PDB file of all heavy atoms in Angstrom:
ATOM      1  N   VAL A   1      -1.018 -51.401-103.900  1.00  0.00           N
ATOM      2  CA  VAL A   1      -2.128 -50.487-103.673  1.00  0.00           C
ATOM      3  C   VAL A   1      -2.314 -50.257-102.156  1.00  0.00           C
ATOM      4  O   VAL A   1      -2.372 -51.182-101.416  1.00  0.00           O
ATOM      5  CB  VAL A   1      -3.443 -51.062-104.262  1.00  0.00           C
ATOM      6  CG1 VAL A   1      -4.585 -50.063-104.132  1.00  0.00           C
ATOM      7  CG2 VAL A   1      -3.285 -51.544-105.738  1.00  0.00           C
ATOM      8  N   ASN A   2      -2.315 -48.981-101.801  1.00  0.00           N
ATOM      9  CA  ASN A   2      -2.435 -48.638-100.393  1.00  0.00           C
ATOM     10  C   ASN A   2      -1.340 -49.300 -99.523  1.00  0.00           C
ATOM     11  O   ASN A   2      -1.636 -49.646 -98.389  1.00  0.00           O
ATOM     12  CB  ASN A   2      -3.816 -49.023 -99.883  1.00  0.00           C
ATOM     13  CG  ASN A   2      -4.931 -48.027-100.283  1.00  0.00           C
ATOM     14  OD1 ASN A   2      -4.628 -47.056-101.002  1.00  0.00           O
ATOM     15  ND2 ASN A   2      -6.158 -48.305 -99.945  1.00  0.00           N
ATOM     16  N   GLY A   3      -0.201 -49.522-100.097  1.00  0.00           N
ATOM     17  CA  GLY A   3       0.928 -50.066 -99.324  1.00  0.00           C
ATOM     18  C   GLY A   3       0.899 -51.565 -99.220  1.00  0.00           C
ATOM     19  O   GLY A   3       1.810 -52.109 -98.552  1.00  0.00           O
ATOM     20  N   VAL A   4      -0.017 -52.236 -99.828  1.00  0.00           N
ATOM     21  CA  VAL A   4       0.010 -53.728 -99.797  1.00  0.00           C
ATOM     22  C   VAL A   4       0.101 -54.233-101.248  1.00  0.00           C
ATOM     23  O   VAL A   4      -0.345 -53.538-102.170  1.00  0.00           O
ATOM     24  CB  VAL A   4      -1.230 -54.321 -99.093  1.00  0.00           C
ATOM     25  CG1 VAL A   4      -1.269 -53.934 -97.622  1.00  0.00           C
ATOM     26  CG2 VAL A   4      -2.504 -53.854 -99.802  1.00  0.00           C
ATOM     27  N   LEU A   5       0.578 -55.441-101.373  1.00  0.00           N
ATOM     28  CA  LEU A   5       0.701 -56.041-102.680  1.00  0.00           C
ATOM     29  C   LEU A   5      -0.581 -56.846-102.949  1.00  0.00           C
ATOM     30  O   LEU A   5      -0.920 -57.801-102.183  1.00  0.00           O
ATOM     31  CB  LEU A   5       1.905 -56.979-102.764  1.00  0.00           C
ATOM     32  CG  LEU A   5       2.117 -57.691-104.107  1.00  0.00           C
ATOM     33  CD1 LEU A   5       2.571 -56.698-105.157  1.00  0.00           C
ATOM     34  CD2 LEU A   5       3.082 -58.840-103.958  1.00  0.00           C
ATOM     35  N   VAL A   6      -1.270 -56.561-104.041  1.00  0.00           N
ATOM     36  CA  VAL A   6      -2.478 -57.263-104.413  1.00  0.00           C
ATOM     37  C   VAL A   6      -2.165 -58.136-105.609  1.00  0.00           C
ATOM     38  O   VAL A   6      -1.556 -57.733-106.562  1.00  0.00           O
ATOM     39  CB  VAL A   6      -3.625 -56.319-104.804  1.00  0.00           C
ATOM     40  CG1 VAL A   6      -4.849 -57.070-105.211  1.00  0.00           C
ATOM     41  CG2 VAL A   6      -3.976 -55.366-103.649  1.00  0.00           C
ATOM     42  N   ARG A   7      -2.525 -59.430-105.485  1.00  0.00           N
ATOM     43  CA  ARG A   7      -2.318 -60.358-106.597  1.00  0.00           C
ATOM     44  C   ARG A   7      -3.403 -61.393-106.598  1.00  0.00           C
ATOM     45  O   ARG A   7      -4.256 -61.460-105.621  1.00  0.00           O
ATOM     46  CB  ARG A   7      -0.942 -61.029-106.478  1.00  0.00           C
ATOM     47  CG  ARG A   7      -0.723 -61.905-105.286  1.00  0.00           C
ATOM     48  CD  ARG A   7       0.490 -62.799-105.444  1.00  0.00           C
ATOM     49  NE  ARG A   7       0.918 -63.491-104.245  1.00  0.00           N
ATOM     50  CZ  ARG A   7       0.297 -64.567-103.768  1.00  0.00           C
ATOM     51  NH1 ARG A   7      -0.787 -65.019-104.340  1.00  0.00           N
ATOM     52  NH2 ARG A   7       0.775 -65.142-102.622  1.00  0.00           N
ATOM     53  N   GLU A   8      -3.451 -62.218-107.618  1.00  0.00           N
ATOM     54  CA  GLU A   8      -4.527 -63.272-107.688  1.00  0.00           C
ATOM     55  C   GLU A   8      -4.140 -64.352-106.659  1.00  0.00           C
ATOM     56  O   GLU A   8      -2.983 -64.697-106.389  1.00  0.00           O
ATOM     57  CB  GLU A   8      -4.516 -63.903-109.085  1.00  0.00           C
ATOM     58  CG  GLU A   8      -5.055 -62.916-110.140  1.00  0.00           C
ATOM     59  CD  GLU A   8      -5.044 -63.526-111.513  1.00  0.00           C
ATOM     60  OE1 GLU A   8      -3.933 -63.913-111.996  1.00  0.00           O
ATOM     61  OE2 GLU A   8      -6.063 -63.570-112.117  1.00  0.00           O
ATOM     62  N   MET A   9      -5.197 -64.955-106.090  1.00  0.00           N
ATOM     63  CA  MET A   9      -5.057 -66.092-105.170  1.00  0.00           C
ATOM     64  C   MET A   9      -4.555 -67.304-105.902  1.00  0.00           C
ATOM     65  O   MET A   9      -4.986 -67.610-107.032  1.00  0.00           O
ATOM     66  CB  MET A   9      -6.355 -66.372-104.436  1.00  0.00           C
ATOM     67  CG  MET A   9      -6.276 -67.420-103.305  1.00  0.00           C
ATOM     68  SD  MET A   9      -7.820 -67.848-102.574  1.00  0.00           S
ATOM     69  CE  MET A   9      -8.309 -66.208-101.842  1.00  0.00           C
ATOM     70  N   THR A  10      -3.637 -68.061-105.297  1.00  0.00           N
ATOM     71  CA  THR A  10      -3.156 -69.308-105.884  1.00  0.00           C
ATOM     72  C   THR A  10      -3.478 -70.453-104.992  1.00  0.00           C
ATOM     73  O   THR A  10      -3.996 -70.290-103.856  1.00  0.00           O
ATOM     74  CB  THR A  10      -1.607 -69.275-105.956  1.00  0.00           C
ATOM     75  OG1 THR A  10      -1.058 -69.250-104.643  1.00  0.00           O
ATOM     76  CG2 THR A  10      -1.124 -68.024-106.773  1.00  0.00           C
ATOM     77  N   ALA A  11      -3.363 -71.665-105.476  1.00  0.00           N
ATOM     78  CA  ALA A  11      -3.673 -72.894-104.695  1.00  0.00           C
ATOM     79  C   ALA A  11      -2.903 -72.911-103.393  1.00  0.00           C
ATOM     80  O   ALA A  11      -3.408 -73.427-102.392  1.00  0.00           O
ATOM     81  CB  ALA A  11      -3.419 -74.115-105.556  1.00  0.00           C
ATOM     82  N   GLU A  12      -1.672 -72.343-103.438  1.00  0.00           N
ATOM     83  CA  GLU A  12      -0.803 -72.356-102.181  1.00  0.00           C
ATOM     84  C   GLU A  12      -1.368 -71.407-101.173  1.00  0.00           C
ATOM     85  O   GLU A  12      -1.016 -71.528-100.001  1.00  0.00           O
ATOM     86  CB  GLU A  12       0.620 -72.007-102.575  1.00  0.00           C
ATOM     87  CG  GLU A  12       1.379 -73.042-103.420  1.00  0.00           C
ATOM     88  CD  GLU A  12       0.916 -73.150-104.826  1.00  0.00           C
ATOM     89  OE1 GLU A  12       0.354 -72.108-105.336  1.00  0.00           O
ATOM     90  OE2 GLU A  12       1.063 -74.177-105.503  1.00  0.00           O
ATOM     91  N   ASP A  13      -2.206 -70.456-101.566  1.00  0.00           N
ATOM     92  CA  ASP A  13      -2.757 -69.492-100.608  1.00  0.00           C
ATOM     93  C   ASP A  13      -3.978 -70.039 -99.895  1.00  0.00           C
ATOM     94  O   ASP A  13      -4.355 -69.479 -98.860  1.00  0.00           O
ATOM     95  CB  ASP A  13      -3.146 -68.191-101.345  1.00  0.00           C
ATOM     96  CG  ASP A  13      -1.989 -67.490-101.993  1.00  0.00           C
ATOM     97  OD1 ASP A  13      -0.895 -67.557-101.486  1.00  0.00           O
ATOM     98  OD2 ASP A  13      -2.255 -66.903-103.098  1.00  0.00           O
ATOM     99  N   VAL A  14      -4.631 -71.000-100.473  1.00  0.00           N
ATOM    100  CA  VAL A  14      -5.967 -71.393 -99.991  1.00  0.00           C
ATOM    101  C   VAL A  14      -5.991 -71.814 -98.512  1.00  0.00           C
ATOM    102  O   VAL A  14      -6.864 -71.333 -97.739  1.00  0.00           O
ATOM    103  CB  VAL A  14      -6.562 -72.548-100.856  1.00  0.00           C
ATOM    104  CG1 VAL A  14      -7.742 -73.158-100.178  1.00  0.00           C
ATOM    105  CG2 VAL A  14      -6.867 -72.050-102.228  1.00  0.00           C
ATOM    106  N   ASP A  15      -4.984 -72.622 -98.075  1.00  0.00           N
ATOM    107  CA  ASP A  15      -5.047 -73.038 -96.720  1.00  0.00           C
ATOM    108  C   ASP A  15      -4.831 -71.883 -95.768  1.00  0.00           C
ATOM    109  O   ASP A  15      -5.522 -71.814 -94.696  1.00  0.00           O
ATOM    110  CB  ASP A  15      -3.920 -74.091 -96.492  1.00  0.00           C
ATOM    111  CG  ASP A  15      -3.966 -74.718 -95.080  1.00  0.00           C
ATOM    112  OD1 ASP A  15      -4.966 -75.421 -94.791  1.00  0.00           O
ATOM    113  OD2 ASP A  15      -3.094 -74.473 -94.278  1.00  0.00           O
ATOM    114  N   THR A  16      -3.901 -70.989 -96.065  1.00  0.00           N
ATOM    115  CA  THR A  16      -3.688 -69.794 -95.203  1.00  0.00           C
ATOM    116  C   THR A  16      -4.959 -68.924 -95.108  1.00  0.00           C
ATOM    117  O   THR A  16      -5.346 -68.542 -94.006  1.00  0.00           O
ATOM    118  CB  THR A  16      -2.544 -68.973 -95.728  1.00  0.00           C
ATOM    119  OG1 THR A  16      -1.332 -69.768 -95.732  1.00  0.00           O
ATOM    120  CG2 THR A  16      -2.324 -67.719 -94.870  1.00  0.00           C
ATOM    121  N   VAL A  17      -5.557 -68.651 -96.266  1.00  0.00           N
ATOM    122  CA  VAL A  17      -6.778 -67.795 -96.252  1.00  0.00           C
ATOM    123  C   VAL A  17      -7.929 -68.490 -95.490  1.00  0.00           C
ATOM    124  O   VAL A  17      -8.636 -67.861 -94.688  1.00  0.00           O
ATOM    125  CB  VAL A  17      -7.216 -67.483 -97.691  1.00  0.00           C
ATOM    126  CG1 VAL A  17      -8.525 -66.768 -97.703  1.00  0.00           C
ATOM    127  CG2 VAL A  17      -6.137 -66.677 -98.389  1.00  0.00           C
ATOM    128  N   ALA A  18      -8.034 -69.797 -95.642  1.00  0.00           N
ATOM    129  CA  ALA A  18      -9.092 -70.541 -94.919  1.00  0.00           C
ATOM    130  C   ALA A  18      -8.946 -70.434 -93.439  1.00  0.00           C
ATOM    131  O   ALA A  18      -9.941 -70.321 -92.663  1.00  0.00           O
ATOM    132  CB  ALA A  18      -9.098 -71.977 -95.371  1.00  0.00           C
ATOM    133  N   ARG A  19      -7.694 -70.382 -92.966  1.00  0.00           N
ATOM    134  CA  ARG A  19      -7.415 -70.385 -91.534  1.00  0.00           C
ATOM    135  C   ARG A  19      -7.578 -68.982 -90.893  1.00  0.00           C
ATOM    136  O   ARG A  19      -7.958 -68.868 -89.765  1.00  0.00           O
ATOM    137  CB  ARG A  19      -6.018 -70.969 -91.233  1.00  0.00           C
ATOM    138  CG  ARG A  19      -5.906 -72.432 -91.520  1.00  0.00           C
ATOM    139  CD  ARG A  19      -4.535 -72.987 -91.178  1.00  0.00           C
ATOM    140  NE  ARG A  19      -4.445 -74.405 -91.438  1.00  0.00           N
ATOM    141  CZ  ARG A  19      -4.902 -75.362 -90.565  1.00  0.00           C
ATOM    142  NH1 ARG A  19      -5.381 -74.990 -89.456  1.00  0.00           N
ATOM    143  NH2 ARG A  19      -4.796 -76.613 -90.872  1.00  0.00           N
ATOM    144  N   ILE A  20      -7.247 -67.980 -91.712  1.00  0.00           N
ATOM    145  CA  ILE A  20      -7.304 -66.613 -91.084  1.00  0.00           C
ATOM    146  C   ILE A  20      -8.641 -65.964 -91.368  1.00  0.00           C
ATOM    147  O   ILE A  20      -8.933 -64.839 -90.840  1.00  0.00           O
ATOM    148  CB  ILE A  20      -6.199 -65.710 -91.601  1.00  0.00           C
ATOM    149  CG1 ILE A  20      -6.267 -65.421 -93.088  1.00  0.00           C
ATOM    150  CG2 ILE A  20      -4.823 -66.356 -91.278  1.00  0.00           C
ATOM    151  CD1 ILE A  20      -5.262 -64.474 -93.649  1.00  0.00           C
ATOM    152  N   LEU A  21      -9.472 -66.568 -92.170  1.00  0.00           N
ATOM    153  CA  LEU A  21     -10.814 -66.007 -92.515  1.00  0.00           C
ATOM    154  C   LEU A  21     -11.644 -65.830 -91.223  1.00  0.00           C
ATOM    155  O   LEU A  21     -11.791 -66.762 -90.466  1.00  0.00           O
ATOM    156  CB  LEU A  21     -11.512 -66.951 -93.468  1.00  0.00           C
ATOM    157  CG  LEU A  21     -12.870 -66.561 -93.980  1.00  0.00           C
ATOM    158  CD1 LEU A  21     -12.805 -65.330 -94.821  1.00  0.00           C
ATOM    159  CD2 LEU A  21     -13.469 -67.690 -94.767  1.00  0.00           C
ATOM    160  N   PRO A  22     -12.157 -64.624 -90.959  1.00  0.00           N
ATOM    161  CA  PRO A  22     -12.987 -64.456 -89.788  1.00  0.00           C
ATOM    162  C   PRO A  22     -14.223 -65.336 -89.828  1.00  0.00           C
ATOM    163  O   PRO A  22     -14.783 -65.664 -90.830  1.00  0.00           O
ATOM    164  CB  PRO A  22     -13.446 -62.967 -89.901  1.00  0.00           C
ATOM    165  CG  PRO A  22     -12.373 -62.326 -90.747  1.00  0.00           C
ATOM    166  CD  PRO A  22     -12.000 -63.351 -91.750  1.00  0.00           C
ATOM    167  N   PHE A  23     -14.624 -65.772 -88.617  1.00  0.00           N
ATOM    168  CA  PHE A  23     -15.734 -66.793 -88.534  1.00  0.00           C
ATOM    169  C   PHE A  23     -16.969 -66.281 -89.227  1.00  0.00           C
ATOM    170  O   PHE A  23     -17.691 -67.023 -89.871  1.00  0.00           O
ATOM    171  CB  PHE A  23     -15.999 -67.120 -87.093  1.00  0.00           C
ATOM    172  CG  PHE A  23     -17.042 -68.194 -86.944  1.00  0.00           C
ATOM    173  CD1 PHE A  23     -16.705 -69.531 -86.978  1.00  0.00           C
ATOM    174  CD2 PHE A  23     -18.427 -67.861 -86.711  1.00  0.00           C
ATOM    175  CE1 PHE A  23     -17.694 -70.516 -86.854  1.00  0.00           C
ATOM    176  CE2 PHE A  23     -19.357 -68.800 -86.623  1.00  0.00           C
ATOM    177  CZ  PHE A  23     -19.017 -70.169 -86.658  1.00  0.00           C
ATOM    178  N   ASP A  24     -17.307 -65.009 -89.038  1.00  0.00           N
ATOM    179  CA  ASP A  24     -18.549 -64.486 -89.574  1.00  0.00           C
ATOM    180  C   ASP A  24     -18.580 -64.438 -91.091  1.00  0.00           C
ATOM    181  O   ASP A  24     -19.618 -64.394 -91.708  1.00  0.00           O
ATOM    182  CB  ASP A  24     -18.805 -63.052 -89.033  1.00  0.00           C
ATOM    183  CG  ASP A  24     -19.244 -63.037 -87.632  1.00  0.00           C
ATOM    184  OD1 ASP A  24     -19.757 -64.046 -87.154  1.00  0.00           O
ATOM    185  OD2 ASP A  24     -19.069 -62.012 -86.931  1.00  0.00           O
TER     186      ASP A  24
END
């Protein structure tokens, strides 16, 4: 969608998302 791949979050994604999540 809009040039990016959208899929469900997995347990393997959690650490990456937690680290790149904006502070706000």
